[in-house]
Amino acid sequence: MFFPRPRSTQNIPELATTEDLDALFARDLSVVFKHSPTCPISLLAHRQVSRFCADQPEVPVYLISVRRQRDMARHVSERTGVRHESPQVLVLRRGDVIGAASHDEVTAEFLASLVRG
């Protein structure tokens, strides 16, 4: 089975295509982080997600740049039924959304609580 090996944005791999995203839905656990590099709130969320990645390196986390990849951001919303926001994280378990947060609710602690659960 194919899993993406996308380019990296500050140590968080960036999804390149909707096919890459769809491949994540087959994984046991994954995190999708929608990020805008020009938004101060998104930059704070990026720090939190990066901290989570450092603490939980075994959990695959992938970034979608909402500036460069508007279609990908829309595809996530259509595929999951979760309204698009940015910044936003979605935790997926075998294709089901087990948790989502946006803006200042995006924290390393929030993500850790979902993957432990």
Foldseek 3Di string as FASTA:
>chain_A
DDADPADDDVNAHADDDVVNVVVVLQAQKAKEWEAEPVDPLRVVLVVQVVVLCVVCVVHRYYYYDCVVCVVNQVSVCVQAVDDGDPGKMFMHGNNHTPDMDHGPVRGSVVVVVSVVD
